[in-house]
C-alpha atoms as a PDB file:
ATOM      1  CA  ARG A   1     170.217   0.280  65.993  1.00  0.00           C
ATOM      2  CA  GLY A   2     171.304   3.820  65.326  1.00  0.00           C
ATOM      3  CA  CYS A   3     171.429   7.072  67.259  1.00  0.00           C
ATOM      4  CA  LEU A   4     168.899   8.964  69.337  1.00  0.00           C
ATOM      5  CA  PHE A   5     169.353  12.651  70.148  1.00  0.00           C
ATOM      6  CA  VAL A   6     167.751  13.964  73.342  1.00  0.00           C
ATOM      7  CA  ALA A   7     167.435  17.465  74.803  1.00  0.00           C
ATOM      8  CA  ALA A   8     167.770  17.896  78.567  1.00  0.00           C
ATOM      9  CA  VAL A   9     168.017  20.739  81.083  1.00  0.00           C
ATOM     10  CA  LEU A  10     170.809  21.166  83.616  1.00  0.00           C
ATOM     11  CA  ARG A  11     169.316  21.131  87.128  1.00  0.00           C
ATOM     12  CA  GLU A  12     172.384  22.299  89.020  1.00  0.00           C
ATOM     13  CA  SER A  13     175.152  24.727  88.211  1.00  0.00           C
ATOM     14  CA  CYS A  14     178.507  23.255  87.227  1.00  0.00           C
ATOM     15  CA  GLU A  15     181.932  24.447  86.018  1.00  0.00           C
ATOM     16  CA  ILE A  16     180.865  24.914  82.408  1.00  0.00           C
ATOM     17  CA  ALA A  17     177.201  25.971  82.595  1.00  0.00           C
ATOM     18  CA  GLY A  18     174.565  27.409  84.861  1.00  0.00           C
ATOM     19  CA  VAL A  19     171.204  26.123  86.003  1.00  0.00           C
ATOM     20  CA  GLY A  20     168.748  25.812  83.120  1.00  0.00           C
ATOM     21  CA  ALA A  21     171.343  25.314  80.379  1.00  0.00           C
ATOM     22  CA  GLY A  22     170.209  23.199  77.447  1.00  0.00           C
ATOM     23  CA  LEU A  23     172.034  19.900  77.058  1.00  0.00           C
ATOM     24  CA  LEU A  24     172.219  17.811  73.909  1.00  0.00           C
ATOM     25  CA  LEU A  25     172.695  14.076  74.483  1.00  0.00           C
ATOM     26  CA  GLU A  26     173.570  11.444  71.905  1.00  0.00           C
ATOM     27  CA  TRP A  27     172.556   7.858  72.664  1.00  0.00           C
ATOM     28  CA  THR A  28     173.818   4.919  70.633  1.00  0.00           C
ATOM     29  CA  LEU A  29     171.052   2.354  70.313  1.00  0.00           C
ATOM     30  CA  SER A  30     171.988  -1.302  70.387  1.00  0.00           C
ATOM     31  CA  GLU A  31     171.263  -4.241  72.666  1.00  0.00           C
ATOM     32  CA  ARG A  32     172.653  -2.053  75.458  1.00  0.00           C
ATOM     33  CA  PRO A  33     171.814   1.612  74.756  1.00  0.00           C
ATOM     34  CA  THR A  34     174.785   3.804  75.676  1.00  0.00           C
ATOM     35  CA  LEU A  35     175.202   7.526  76.246  1.00  0.00           C
ATOM     36  CA  HIS A  36     177.807   8.274  73.584  1.00  0.00           C
ATOM     37  CA  GLY A  37     178.108  12.049  73.942  1.00  0.00           C
ATOM     38  CA  ALA A  38     176.821  15.067  75.840  1.00  0.00           C
ATOM     39  CA  VAL A  39     177.356  18.753  75.198  1.00  0.00           C
ATOM     40  CA  VAL A  40     176.099  21.997  76.727  1.00  0.00           C
ATOM     41  CA  ALA A  41     174.303  23.205  73.601  1.00  0.00           C
ATOM     42  CA  HIS A  42     172.590  26.398  74.835  1.00  0.00           C
ATOM     43  CA  ASP A  43     172.531  28.797  77.795  1.00  0.00           C
ATOM     44  CA  SER A  44     168.782  28.240  78.176  1.00  0.00           C
ATOM     45  CA  PRO A  45     166.538  25.177  77.704  1.00  0.00           C
ATOM     46  CA  ILE A  46     166.254  23.659  74.234  1.00  0.00           C
ATOM     47  CA  ILE A  47     162.646  24.086  73.126  1.00  0.00           C
ATOM     48  CA  ASN A  48     162.894  22.293  69.775  1.00  0.00           C
ATOM     49  CA  LEU A  49     165.184  19.747  68.155  1.00  0.00           C
ATOM     50  CA  VAL A  50     164.931  18.489  64.563  1.00  0.00           C
ATOM     51  CA  TYR A  51     167.054  16.110  62.531  1.00  0.00           C
ATOM     52  CA  GLY A  52     167.436  15.895  58.802  1.00  0.00           C
ATOM     53  CA  PRO A  53     166.411  16.133  56.057  1.00  0.00           C
ATOM     54  CA  TYR A  54     169.180  13.668  55.252  1.00  0.00           C
ATOM     55  CA  ASP A  55     170.213  10.438  57.003  1.00  0.00           C
ATOM     56  CA  ASN A  56     173.343  12.163  58.293  1.00  0.00           C
ATOM     57  CA  GLY A  57     171.699  15.340  59.559  1.00  0.00           C
ATOM     58  CA  PRO A  58     172.152  18.079  60.267  1.00  0.00           C
ATOM     59  CA  LEU A  59     170.745  18.343  63.772  1.00  0.00           C
ATOM     60  CA  ILE A  60     169.101  21.717  64.533  1.00  0.00           C
ATOM     61  CA  THR A  61     168.319  23.022  68.020  1.00  0.00           C
ATOM     62  CA  VAL A  62     166.627  26.223  69.188  1.00  0.00           C
ATOM     63  CA  ASP A  63     166.550  27.592  72.723  1.00  0.00           C
ATOM     64  CA  ALA A  64     164.088  29.717  74.683  1.00  0.00           C
ATOM     65  CA  TYR A  65     165.870  32.930  73.578  1.00  0.00           C
ATOM     66  CA  GLY A  66     165.543  32.263  69.840  1.00  0.00           C
ATOM     67  CA  VAL A  67     169.089  31.023  69.251  1.00  0.00           C
ATOM     68  CA  PHE A  68     169.184  28.396  66.490  1.00  0.00           C
ATOM     69  CA  ARG A  69     172.218  26.122  66.279  1.00  0.00           C
ATOM     70  CA  ILE A  70     173.113  23.679  63.545  1.00  0.00           C
ATOM     71  CA  TRP A  71     175.142  20.641  64.558  1.00  0.00           C
ATOM     72  CA  ASP A  72     177.099  18.314  62.309  1.00  0.00           C
ATOM     73  CA  PHE A  73     177.603  14.768  63.459  1.00  0.00           C
ATOM     74  CA  THR A  74     180.710  12.719  62.693  1.00  0.00           C
ATOM     75  CA  LEU A  75     181.687   9.292  63.964  1.00  0.00           C
ATOM     76  CA  ASN A  76     185.186  10.491  64.886  1.00  0.00           C
ATOM     77  CA  CYS A  77     184.342  13.790  66.599  1.00  0.00           C
ATOM     78  CA  GLY A  78     180.707  13.443  67.641  1.00  0.00           C
ATOM     79  CA  MET A  79     178.571  16.607  67.618  1.00  0.00           C
ATOM     80  CA  LEU A  80     180.207  19.749  66.238  1.00  0.00           C
ATOM     81  CA  LEU A  81     178.574  23.184  66.190  1.00  0.00           C
ATOM     82  CA  SER A  82     178.685  24.404  62.592  1.00  0.00           C
ATOM     83  CA  GLN A  83     176.396  27.437  62.551  1.00  0.00           C
ATOM     84  CA  GLN A  84     174.408  29.755  64.829  1.00  0.00           C
ATOM     85  CA  ILE A  85     171.579  32.165  64.081  1.00  0.00           C
ATOM     86  CA  ALA A  86     169.957  34.404  66.713  1.00  0.00           C
ATOM     87  CA  ILE A  87     166.417  35.615  66.045  1.00  0.00           C
ATOM     88  CA  GLN A  88     165.731  38.814  67.961  1.00  0.00           C
ATOM     89  CA  SER A  89     162.278  39.088  69.492  1.00  0.00           C
ATOM     90  CA  SER A  90     160.482  42.185  70.741  1.00  0.00           C
ATOM     91  CA  CYS A  91     158.612  40.010  73.263  1.00  0.00           C
ATOM     92  CA  PRO A  92     160.237  39.837  76.697  1.00  0.00           C
ATOM     93  CA  MET A  93     160.976  36.394  78.093  1.00  0.00           C
ATOM     94  CA  PRO A  94     158.832  35.501  81.114  1.00  0.00           C
ATOM     95  CA  ALA A  95     160.603  34.993  84.410  1.00  0.00           C
ATOM     96  CA  PRO A  96     161.139  31.341  85.364  1.00  0.00           C
ATOM     97  CA  GLY A  97     158.023  29.927  87.004  1.00  0.00           C
ATOM     98  CA  SER A  98     155.744  32.683  85.729  1.00  0.00           C
ATOM     99  CA  SER A  99     152.957  32.374  83.209  1.00  0.00           C
ATOM    100  CA  ILE A 100     152.651  34.276  79.951  1.00  0.00           C
ATOM    101  CA  LEU A 101     148.861  34.028  80.220  1.00  0.00           C
ATOM    102  CA  GLY A 102     146.824  36.591  82.091  1.00  0.00           C
ATOM    103  CA  SER A 103     145.273  35.654  85.424  1.00  0.00           C
END
């Protein structure tokens, strides 16, 4: 019993986000696991997700562009964005489907 947080990627464009947006899903684990909440967390795929160091969070996500987001979790409101930090990189992002390794 408890919660499981999962990162996913949006395959098709929709009203609130484009293709490739990072989704954050919250599953409630019980005899019948249930999707309890879903939020578009980033404009690009989530590449890392960590929880803790405490039993009640926070949940931290980072996307492919170096945007870190800190999420607070409450039983009444679900996942709430509490802080964002963008790390600027001098390395260009590779185009989708391309390799960063030489051929």
